[in-house]
Amino acid sequence: MDEKQYGAFARNALTLDQLRHGRNISYVPGSFVVEKVIVLSEDGFAALAGDLSAEYVFLEENRDLMSADPGGRFNCVLARTETGKEGILFALQGSELYTAYAKDVHAIRVDPATPVEQIPQSSLPRIQTSAVFYHKPRGVEDITGIDYVRNIAERKAAFVIETVVVLSDEKFADFMRSGLLQDKLFLFDNLDKMWFDPAERVWHCLLVKGETSRDGILVEAEGYSYARYAAYVRDCARLRLREVPVQYEYPARPPREKMPRRRSRGGER
């Protein structure tokens, strides 16, 4: 069994510079294992170094690989560049982010079988946690800023998705185009999942999307069965949907794993 390797992890550090110099942060020791390597562009790593956050999409997508036990073991994602020496170790414990400075990534033991992912973008996408909701929009034009005639925007606020409703692509296109003010059974069936919390200024809502659509619509029906308040989402991959229940509306169906084709006995017929 390989000898353990140890690091000094900081909780919720803001920048790589803080990790380098220990400014205004306290460290906890722990052994660590690298579960995945993320290779960033130079610009992407610089952006990450200046703003350490648990809200990056690449961290959310790899949440299952990470864990943090302060004083014990950290299962980490290592972010680095292709050619640079520096790196950052990331571990998550619920909403708490733990990071450690890797002065020389070549000195870290990484199992040869550890997966490596390349992210070549200069900027790193973040989880979307807030949106601008619109009151009684007629269609998608009213919530994407295409139609400036109606001044119906609410203030930007945080949201929590309580359920994902998946429509067929055709029905989702109809819903976006002209169905926001129409009564929908799937909204009526989920009235208890939609409300606005004025104390926290948080919208509790549904995400309505198509089977293959990249975009979607956040809906808070406010006790009605139509989209009384709605917000447009351009990329559902940037939403935090882990463990959120999904409801498929016929003819939309959940994806099924492909089963191996059985060979018929006695040859083809």
C-alpha atoms as a PDB file:
ATOM      1  CA  MET A   1       0.000   0.000   0.000  1.00  0.00           C
ATOM      2  CA  ASP A   2       1.362   3.440  -0.934  1.00  0.00           C
ATOM      3  CA  GLU A   3       2.555   5.751   1.823  1.00  0.00           C
ATOM      4  CA  LYS A   4       0.082   8.487   2.689  1.00  0.00           C
ATOM      5  CA  GLN A   5       0.688  12.037   1.523  1.00  0.00           C
ATOM      6  CA  TYR A   6      -0.362  15.005   3.604  1.00  0.00           C
ATOM      7  CA  GLY A   7      -1.462  18.559   2.970  1.00  0.00           C
ATOM      8  CA  ALA A   8      -2.639  21.684   4.779  1.00  0.00           C
ATOM      9  CA  PHE A   9      -6.225  22.486   3.807  1.00  0.00           C
ATOM     10  CA  ALA A  10      -8.005  25.800   4.273  1.00  0.00           C
ATOM     11  CA  ARG A  11     -11.785  26.174   4.545  1.00  0.00           C
ATOM     12  CA  ASN A  12     -13.359  28.692   2.179  1.00  0.00           C
ATOM     13  CA  ALA A  13     -10.145  30.468   1.141  1.00  0.00           C
ATOM     14  CA  LEU A  14     -10.841  33.194  -1.404  1.00  0.00           C
ATOM     15  CA  THR A  15      -7.697  33.236  -3.552  1.00  0.00           C
ATOM     16  CA  LEU A  16      -4.618  31.189  -4.347  1.00  0.00           C
ATOM     17  CA  ASP A  17      -2.523  34.029  -2.945  1.00  0.00           C
ATOM     18  CA  GLN A  18      -4.165  33.433   0.442  1.00  0.00           C
ATOM     19  CA  LEU A  19      -3.172  29.776   0.237  1.00  0.00           C
ATOM     20  CA  ARG A  20       0.398  30.631  -0.715  1.00  0.00           C
ATOM     21  CA  HIS A  21       0.952  33.027   2.180  1.00  0.00           C
ATOM     22  CA  GLY A  22      -1.615  31.917   4.778  1.00  0.00           C
ATOM     23  CA  ARG A  23      -3.226  35.336   4.994  1.00  0.00           C
ATOM     24  CA  ASN A  24      -6.346  35.535   7.172  1.00  0.00           C
ATOM     25  CA  ILE A  25      -7.000  31.795   6.991  1.00  0.00           C
ATOM     26  CA  SER A  26      -6.382  28.809   9.220  1.00  0.00           C
ATOM     27  CA  TYR A  27      -5.320  25.400   8.023  1.00  0.00           C
ATOM     28  CA  VAL A  28      -6.314  21.888   9.001  1.00  0.00           C
ATOM     29  CA  PRO A  29      -4.018  18.943   8.269  1.00  0.00           C
ATOM     30  CA  GLY A  30      -5.039  15.770   6.530  1.00  0.00           C
ATOM     31  CA  SER A  31      -3.934  13.013   4.233  1.00  0.00           C
ATOM     32  CA  PHE A  32      -5.227  13.260   0.683  1.00  0.00           C
ATOM     33  CA  VAL A  33      -5.836  11.231  -2.438  1.00  0.00           C
ATOM     34  CA  VAL A  34      -6.210  12.759  -5.904  1.00  0.00           C
ATOM     35  CA  GLU A  35      -9.349  11.302  -7.484  1.00  0.00           C
ATOM     36  CA  LYS A  36      -9.233  13.361 -10.690  1.00  0.00           C
ATOM     37  CA  VAL A  37      -6.936  15.840 -12.439  1.00  0.00           C
ATOM     38  CA  ILE A  38      -8.400  18.906 -14.147  1.00  0.00           C
ATOM     39  CA  VAL A  39      -6.032  20.492 -16.681  1.00  0.00           C
ATOM     40  CA  LEU A  40      -6.850  24.151 -17.312  1.00  0.00           C
ATOM     41  CA  SER A  41      -5.605  26.738 -19.766  1.00  0.00           C
ATOM     42  CA  GLU A  42      -3.210  29.338 -18.356  1.00  0.00           C
ATOM     43  CA  ASP A  43      -5.968  31.975 -18.410  1.00  0.00           C
ATOM     44  CA  GLY A  44      -8.462  29.580 -16.848  1.00  0.00           C
ATOM     45  CA  PHE A  45      -6.086  28.735 -14.004  1.00  0.00           C
ATOM     46  CA  ALA A  46      -5.357  32.434 -13.430  1.00  0.00           C
ATOM     47  CA  ALA A  47      -9.087  33.160 -13.204  1.00  0.00           C
ATOM     48  CA  LEU A  48      -9.551  30.264 -10.772  1.00  0.00           C
ATOM     49  CA  ALA A  49      -6.583  31.411  -8.659  1.00  0.00           C
ATOM     50  CA  GLY A  50      -8.154  34.839  -8.241  1.00  0.00           C
ATOM     51  CA  ASP A  51     -11.573  33.526  -7.203  1.00  0.00           C
ATOM     52  CA  LEU A  52     -11.712  30.205  -5.356  1.00  0.00           C
ATOM     53  CA  SER A  53     -15.328  29.095  -5.078  1.00  0.00           C
ATOM     54  CA  ALA A  54     -17.451  25.963  -4.784  1.00  0.00           C
ATOM     55  CA  GLU A  55     -19.717  27.371  -7.506  1.00  0.00           C
ATOM     56  CA  TYR A  56     -17.669  26.275 -10.519  1.00  0.00           C
ATOM     57  CA  VAL A  57     -19.382  23.806 -12.823  1.00  0.00           C
ATOM     58  CA  PHE A  58     -16.347  21.500 -12.979  1.00  0.00           C
ATOM     59  CA  LEU A  59     -16.469  21.095  -9.189  1.00  0.00           C
ATOM     60  CA  GLU A  60     -20.204  20.423  -9.151  1.00  0.00           C
ATOM     61  CA  GLU A  61     -19.806  17.813 -11.890  1.00  0.00           C
ATOM     62  CA  ASN A  62     -17.138  16.031  -9.816  1.00  0.00           C
ATOM     63  CA  ARG A  63     -18.771  16.428  -6.414  1.00  0.00           C
ATOM     64  CA  ASP A  64     -19.175  12.648  -6.048  1.00  0.00           C
ATOM     65  CA  LEU A  65     -15.400  12.220  -6.168  1.00  0.00           C
ATOM     66  CA  MET A  66     -14.661  14.663  -3.353  1.00  0.00           C
ATOM     67  CA  SER A  67     -14.949  14.483   0.413  1.00  0.00           C
ATOM     68  CA  ALA A  68     -13.362  16.290   3.327  1.00  0.00           C
ATOM     69  CA  ASP A  69     -12.620  15.005   6.808  1.00  0.00           C
ATOM     70  CA  PRO A  70     -10.605  17.744   8.566  1.00  0.00           C
ATOM     71  CA  GLY A  71      -7.755  16.094  10.375  1.00  0.00           C
ATOM     72  CA  GLY A  72      -8.457  12.879   8.496  1.00  0.00           C
ATOM     73  CA  ARG A  73      -8.627  12.143   4.788  1.00  0.00           C
ATOM     74  CA  PHE A  74      -9.428  14.413   1.867  1.00  0.00           C
ATOM     75  CA  ASN A  75     -10.516  12.997  -1.488  1.00  0.00           C
ATOM     76  CA  CYS A  76      -9.549  15.701  -3.936  1.00  0.00           C
ATOM     77  CA  VAL A  77      -9.673  17.087  -7.427  1.00  0.00           C
ATOM     78  CA  LEU A  78      -6.356  18.581  -8.526  1.00  0.00           C
ATOM     79  CA  ALA A  79      -6.523  21.638 -10.797  1.00  0.00           C
ATOM     80  CA  ARG A  80      -3.375  22.505 -12.714  1.00  0.00           C
ATOM     81  CA  THR A  81      -2.123  23.664 -16.096  1.00  0.00           C
ATOM     82  CA  GLU A  82      -0.361  21.574 -18.719  1.00  0.00           C
ATOM     83  CA  THR A  83       3.067  23.087 -18.134  1.00  0.00           C
ATOM     84  CA  GLY A  84       2.986  25.026 -14.846  1.00  0.00           C
ATOM     85  CA  LYS A  85       4.257  23.722 -11.507  1.00  0.00           C
ATOM     86  CA  GLU A  86       1.547  25.130  -9.249  1.00  0.00           C
ATOM     87  CA  GLY A  87      -1.770  23.475  -8.567  1.00  0.00           C
ATOM     88  CA  ILE A  88      -4.791  23.628  -6.270  1.00  0.00           C
ATOM     89  CA  LEU A  89      -6.366  20.691  -4.430  1.00  0.00           C
ATOM     90  CA  PHE A  90     -10.143  20.912  -3.987  1.00  0.00           C
ATOM     91  CA  ALA A  91     -12.349  18.942  -1.597  1.00  0.00           C
ATOM     92  CA  LEU A  92     -16.002  19.467  -0.680  1.00  0.00           C
ATOM     93  CA  GLN A  93     -17.893  18.713   2.505  1.00  0.00           C
ATOM     94  CA  GLY A  94     -21.495  19.708   1.827  1.00  0.00           C
ATOM     95  CA  SER A  95     -21.326  23.383   0.907  1.00  0.00           C
ATOM     96  CA  GLU A  96     -17.908  23.860   2.531  1.00  0.00           C
ATOM     97  CA  LEU A  97     -14.944  24.129   0.173  1.00  0.00           C
ATOM     98  CA  TYR A  98     -11.494  23.005   1.317  1.00  0.00           C
ATOM     99  CA  THR A  99      -8.445  23.934  -0.740  1.00  0.00           C
ATOM    100  CA  ALA A 100      -4.733  23.232  -0.465  1.00  0.00           C
ATOM    101  CA  TYR A 101      -1.793  24.789  -2.293  1.00  0.00           C
ATOM    102  CA  ALA A 102       0.320  22.476  -4.409  1.00  0.00           C
ATOM    103  CA  LYS A 103       3.641  24.248  -4.884  1.00  0.00           C
ATOM    104  CA  ASP A 104       4.894  21.551  -7.242  1.00  0.00           C
ATOM    105  CA  VAL A 105       2.297  19.254  -8.789  1.00  0.00           C
ATOM    106  CA  HIS A 106       5.049  16.915  -9.953  1.00  0.00           C
ATOM    107  CA  ALA A 107       5.756  16.079  -6.316  1.00  0.00           C
ATOM    108  CA  ILE A 108       2.193  14.851  -5.762  1.00  0.00           C
ATOM    109  CA  ARG A 109       1.603  11.143  -6.171  1.00  0.00           C
ATOM    110  CA  VAL A 110      -1.220  10.514  -8.619  1.00  0.00           C
ATOM    111  CA  ASP A 111      -2.271   7.005  -9.571  1.00  0.00           C
ATOM    112  CA  PRO A 112      -1.669   6.405 -13.307  1.00  0.00           C
ATOM    113  CA  ALA A 113      -5.292   5.252 -13.605  1.00  0.00           C
ATOM    114  CA  THR A 114      -6.634   8.572 -12.241  1.00  0.00           C
ATOM    115  CA  PRO A 115      -8.891  10.249 -14.831  1.00  0.00           C
ATOM    116  CA  VAL A 116      -7.730  13.487 -16.432  1.00  0.00           C
ATOM    117  CA  GLU A 117     -10.071  16.106 -17.910  1.00  0.00           C
ATOM    118  CA  GLN A 118      -8.965  18.977 -20.146  1.00  0.00           C
ATOM    119  CA  ILE A 119     -10.838  22.296 -19.850  1.00  0.00           C
ATOM    120  CA  PRO A 120      -9.353  24.547 -22.540  1.00  0.00           C
ATOM    121  CA  GLN A 121     -11.612  27.582 -22.017  1.00  0.00           C
ATOM    122  CA  SER A 122     -10.078  30.833 -20.817  1.00  0.00           C
ATOM    123  CA  SER A 123     -13.020  31.393 -18.465  1.00  0.00           C
ATOM    124  CA  LEU A 124     -14.612  28.778 -16.202  1.00  0.00           C
ATOM    125  CA  PRO A 125     -18.413  28.497 -16.127  1.00  0.00           C
ATOM    126  CA  ARG A 126     -20.056  28.805 -12.718  1.00  0.00           C
ATOM    127  CA  ILE A 127     -23.242  27.363 -11.289  1.00  0.00           C
ATOM    128  CA  GLN A 128     -26.168  29.722 -11.866  1.00  0.00           C
ATOM    129  CA  THR A 129     -27.797  30.525  -8.531  1.00  0.00           C
ATOM    130  CA  SER A 130     -29.885  33.619  -9.326  1.00  0.00           C
ATOM    131  CA  ALA A 131     -32.172  34.787 -12.116  1.00  0.00           C
ATOM    132  CA  VAL A 132     -34.509  37.614 -13.088  1.00  0.00           C
ATOM    133  CA  PHE A 133     -38.141  36.515 -12.843  1.00  0.00           C
ATOM    134  CA  TYR A 134     -40.852  38.187 -14.938  1.00  0.00           C
ATOM    135  CA  HIS A 135     -44.510  38.648 -14.025  1.00  0.00           C
ATOM    136  CA  LYS A 136     -47.070  37.047 -16.380  1.00  0.00           C
ATOM    137  CA  PRO A 137     -44.832  36.773 -19.462  1.00  0.00           C
ATOM    138  CA  ARG A 138     -46.591  36.054 -22.757  1.00  0.00           C
ATOM    139  CA  GLY A 139     -43.765  33.995 -24.218  1.00  0.00           C
ATOM    140  CA  VAL A 140     -40.035  33.451 -24.202  1.00  0.00           C
ATOM    141  CA  GLU A 141     -39.460  36.894 -25.784  1.00  0.00           C
ATOM    142  CA  ASP A 142     -40.649  38.525 -22.577  1.00  0.00           C
ATOM    143  CA  ILE A 143     -38.086  36.738 -20.407  1.00  0.00           C
ATOM    144  CA  THR A 144     -35.037  36.886 -22.677  1.00  0.00           C
ATOM    145  CA  GLY A 145     -34.957  40.639 -23.214  1.00  0.00           C
ATOM    146  CA  ILE A 146     -35.867  40.362 -26.906  1.00  0.00           C
ATOM    147  CA  ASP A 147     -39.139  42.268 -26.413  1.00  0.00           C
ATOM    148  CA  TYR A 148     -38.553  45.551 -24.602  1.00  0.00           C
ATOM    149  CA  VAL A 149     -42.152  46.795 -24.879  1.00  0.00           C
ATOM    150  CA  ARG A 150     -43.310  45.423 -21.533  1.00  0.00           C
ATOM    151  CA  ASN A 151     -41.538  46.490 -18.360  1.00  0.00           C
ATOM    152  CA  ILE A 152     -42.442  43.466 -16.255  1.00  0.00           C
ATOM    153  CA  ALA A 153     -39.098  42.385 -14.798  1.00  0.00           C
ATOM    154  CA  GLU A 154     -38.796  41.539 -11.144  1.00  0.00           C
ATOM    155  CA  ARG A 155     -35.564  42.083  -9.263  1.00  0.00           C
ATOM    156  CA  LYS A 156     -32.815  39.514  -9.685  1.00  0.00           C
ATOM    157  CA  ALA A 157     -32.924  37.009  -6.831  1.00  0.00           C
ATOM    158  CA  ALA A 158     -31.721  33.575  -5.793  1.00  0.00           C
ATOM    159  CA  PHE A 159     -33.708  30.454  -6.646  1.00  0.00           C
ATOM    160  CA  VAL A 160     -34.008  26.830  -5.581  1.00  0.00           C
ATOM    161  CA  ILE A 161     -35.265  24.219  -8.045  1.00  0.00           C
ATOM    162  CA  GLU A 162     -37.669  21.861  -6.290  1.00  0.00           C
ATOM    163  CA  THR A 163     -38.577  19.664  -9.292  1.00  0.00           C
ATOM    164  CA  VAL A 164     -37.520  19.321 -12.930  1.00  0.00           C
ATOM    165  CA  VAL A 165     -40.388  18.838 -15.398  1.00  0.00           C
ATOM    166  CA  VAL A 166     -39.292  17.367 -18.729  1.00  0.00           C
ATOM    167  CA  LEU A 167     -41.526  17.857 -21.775  1.00  0.00           C
ATOM    168  CA  SER A 168     -41.055  16.491 -25.264  1.00  0.00           C
ATOM    169  CA  ASP A 169     -39.019  18.927 -27.337  1.00  0.00           C
ATOM    170  CA  GLU A 170     -42.095  19.796 -29.405  1.00  0.00           C
ATOM    171  CA  LYS A 171     -44.250  20.543 -26.339  1.00  0.00           C
ATOM    172  CA  PHE A 172     -41.443  22.522 -24.734  1.00  0.00           C
ATOM    173  CA  ALA A 173     -41.130  24.655 -27.872  1.00  0.00           C
ATOM    174  CA  ASP A 174     -44.893  25.312 -27.741  1.00  0.00           C
ATOM    175  CA  PHE A 175     -44.673  26.126 -24.027  1.00  0.00           C
ATOM    176  CA  MET A 176     -41.920  28.675 -24.640  1.00  0.00           C
ATOM    177  CA  ARG A 177     -43.604  30.217 -27.645  1.00  0.00           C
ATOM    178  CA  SER A 178     -47.173  30.620 -26.420  1.00  0.00           C
ATOM    179  CA  GLY A 179     -47.878  28.411 -23.395  1.00  0.00           C
ATOM    180  CA  LEU A 180     -46.657  30.458 -20.443  1.00  0.00           C
ATOM    181  CA  LEU A 181     -50.068  32.024 -19.803  1.00  0.00           C
ATOM    182  CA  GLN A 182     -51.979  28.800 -20.445  1.00  0.00           C
ATOM    183  CA  ASP A 183     -53.134  26.531 -17.616  1.00  0.00           C
ATOM    184  CA  LYS A 184     -50.940  23.435 -17.456  1.00  0.00           C
ATOM    185  CA  LEU A 185     -51.717  20.276 -15.517  1.00  0.00           C
ATOM    186  CA  PHE A 186     -48.045  19.722 -14.651  1.00  0.00           C
ATOM    187  CA  LEU A 187     -48.011  23.137 -12.940  1.00  0.00           C
ATOM    188  CA  PHE A 188     -51.260  22.421 -11.088  1.00  0.00           C
ATOM    189  CA  ASP A 189     -49.866  19.085  -9.891  1.00  0.00           C
ATOM    190  CA  ASN A 190     -46.784  20.830  -8.450  1.00  0.00           C
ATOM    191  CA  LEU A 191     -48.325  23.885  -6.783  1.00  0.00           C
ATOM    192  CA  ASP A 192     -46.834  22.873  -3.435  1.00  0.00           C
ATOM    193  CA  LYS A 193     -43.332  23.013  -4.973  1.00  0.00           C
ATOM    194  CA  MET A 194     -43.541  26.704  -5.936  1.00  0.00           C
ATOM    195  CA  TRP A 195     -43.432  29.727  -3.666  1.00  0.00           C
ATOM    196  CA  PHE A 196     -41.456  32.879  -2.978  1.00  0.00           C
ATOM    197  CA  ASP A 197     -39.714  33.322   0.359  1.00  0.00           C
ATOM    198  CA  PRO A 198     -39.774  37.099   1.041  1.00  0.00           C
ATOM    199  CA  ALA A 199     -37.511  36.864   4.091  1.00  0.00           C
ATOM    200  CA  GLU A 200     -34.690  35.177   2.145  1.00  0.00           C
ATOM    201  CA  ARG A 201     -35.706  36.608  -1.256  1.00  0.00           C
ATOM    202  CA  VAL A 202     -35.538  33.131  -2.768  1.00  0.00           C
ATOM    203  CA  TRP A 203     -37.775  31.741  -5.517  1.00  0.00           C
ATOM    204  CA  HIS A 204     -38.712  28.086  -5.007  1.00  0.00           C
ATOM    205  CA  CYS A 205     -39.624  26.932  -8.470  1.00  0.00           C
ATOM    206  CA  LEU A 206     -39.861  24.282 -11.158  1.00  0.00           C
ATOM    207  CA  LEU A 207     -37.419  23.915 -14.027  1.00  0.00           C
ATOM    208  CA  VAL A 208     -39.332  23.163 -17.232  1.00  0.00           C
ATOM    209  CA  LYS A 209     -37.226  21.890 -20.131  1.00  0.00           C
ATOM    210  CA  GLY A 210     -37.303  19.710 -23.210  1.00  0.00           C
ATOM    211  CA  GLU A 211     -35.890  16.206 -23.504  1.00  0.00           C
ATOM    212  CA  THR A 212     -32.840  17.385 -25.427  1.00  0.00           C
ATOM    213  CA  SER A 213     -33.002  21.156 -24.898  1.00  0.00           C
ATOM    214  CA  ARG A 214     -30.038  22.988 -23.470  1.00  0.00           C
ATOM    215  CA  ASP A 215     -32.160  25.861 -22.207  1.00  0.00           C
ATOM    216  CA  GLY A 216     -35.103  25.857 -19.819  1.00  0.00           C
ATOM    217  CA  ILE A 217     -37.621  28.014 -17.955  1.00  0.00           C
ATOM    218  CA  LEU A 218     -37.895  28.490 -14.206  1.00  0.00           C
ATOM    219  CA  VAL A 219     -41.549  28.766 -13.156  1.00  0.00           C
ATOM    220  CA  GLU A 220     -43.124  29.983  -9.924  1.00  0.00           C
ATOM    221  CA  ALA A 221     -46.904  29.757 -10.419  1.00  0.00           C
ATOM    222  CA  GLU A 222     -47.842  31.562  -7.176  1.00  0.00           C
ATOM    223  CA  GLY A 223     -50.820  29.254  -6.593  1.00  0.00           C
ATOM    224  CA  TYR A 224     -52.037  29.360 -10.194  1.00  0.00           C
ATOM    225  CA  SER A 225     -51.694  26.719 -12.899  1.00  0.00           C
ATOM    226  CA  TYR A 226     -49.883  28.963 -15.382  1.00  0.00           C
ATOM    227  CA  ALA A 227     -46.428  30.546 -15.321  1.00  0.00           C
ATOM    228  CA  ARG A 228     -47.287  33.618 -13.238  1.00  0.00           C
ATOM    229  CA  TYR A 229     -43.569  34.259 -12.724  1.00  0.00           C
ATOM    230  CA  ALA A 230     -40.892  32.875 -15.035  1.00  0.00           C
ATOM    231  CA  ALA A 231     -37.173  33.203 -15.721  1.00  0.00           C
ATOM    232  CA  TYR A 232     -35.162  31.998 -18.706  1.00  0.00           C
ATOM    233  CA  VAL A 233     -32.131  29.714 -18.297  1.00  0.00           C
ATOM    234  CA  ARG A 234     -29.768  29.518 -21.266  1.00  0.00           C
ATOM    235  CA  ASP A 235     -27.786  26.494 -20.094  1.00  0.00           C
ATOM    236  CA  CYS A 236     -29.337  23.920 -17.753  1.00  0.00           C
ATOM    237  CA  ALA A 237     -25.904  22.327 -17.314  1.00  0.00           C
ATOM    238  CA  ARG A 238     -25.033  25.330 -15.127  1.00  0.00           C
ATOM    239  CA  LEU A 239     -27.828  24.590 -12.654  1.00  0.00           C
ATOM    240  CA  ARG A 240     -27.484  22.639  -9.439  1.00  0.00           C
ATOM    241  CA  LEU A 241     -29.764  19.668 -10.158  1.00  0.00           C
ATOM    242  CA  ARG A 242     -28.141  16.924  -8.109  1.00  0.00           C
ATOM    243  CA  GLU A 243     -30.812  14.937  -6.237  1.00  0.00           C
ATOM    244  CA  VAL A 244     -33.618  17.159  -7.583  1.00  0.00           C
ATOM    245  CA  PRO A 245     -36.613  14.953  -8.517  1.00  0.00           C
ATOM    246  CA  VAL A 246     -37.459  14.734 -12.226  1.00  0.00           C
ATOM    247  CA  GLN A 247     -40.991  14.410 -13.630  1.00  0.00           C
ATOM    248  CA  TYR A 248     -41.435  13.317 -17.246  1.00  0.00           C
ATOM    249  CA  GLU A 249     -44.593  14.456 -19.028  1.00  0.00           C
ATOM    250  CA  TYR A 250     -45.836  12.080 -21.744  1.00  0.00           C
ATOM    251  CA  PRO A 251     -44.656  11.607 -24.451  1.00  0.00           C
ATOM    252  CA  ALA A 252     -41.312  12.536 -22.864  1.00  0.00           C
ATOM    253  CA  ARG A 253     -39.655   9.524 -21.291  1.00  0.00           C
ATOM    254  CA  PRO A 254     -36.654   9.013 -19.029  1.00  0.00           C
ATOM    255  CA  PRO A 255     -33.539   7.808 -20.814  1.00  0.00           C
ATOM    256  CA  ARG A 256     -33.036   4.062 -20.683  1.00  0.00           C
ATOM    257  CA  GLU A 257     -29.771   2.232 -20.690  1.00  0.00           C
ATOM    258  CA  LYS A 258     -29.168   0.321 -23.857  1.00  0.00           C
ATOM    259  CA  MET A 259     -29.567  -3.398 -23.352  1.00  0.00           C
ATOM    260  CA  PRO A 260     -27.364  -5.806 -25.263  1.00  0.00           C
ATOM    261  CA  ARG A 261     -29.165  -7.416 -28.146  1.00  0.00           C
ATOM    262  CA  ARG A 262     -29.982 -11.061 -27.533  1.00  0.00           C
ATOM    263  CA  ARG A 263     -29.194 -13.594 -30.168  1.00  0.00           C
ATOM    264  CA  SER A 264     -32.113 -15.810 -31.045  1.00  0.00           C
ATOM    265  CA  ARG A 265     -31.517 -19.487 -30.759  1.00  0.00           C
ATOM    266  CA  GLY A 266     -31.553 -21.248 -34.072  1.00  0.00           C
ATOM    267  CA  GLY A 267     -30.196 -18.319 -36.069  1.00  0.00           C
ATOM    268  CA  GLU A 268     -31.930 -15.314 -37.649  1.00  0.00           C
ATOM    269  CA  ARG A 269     -35.515 -15.526 -38.803  1.00  0.00           C
END
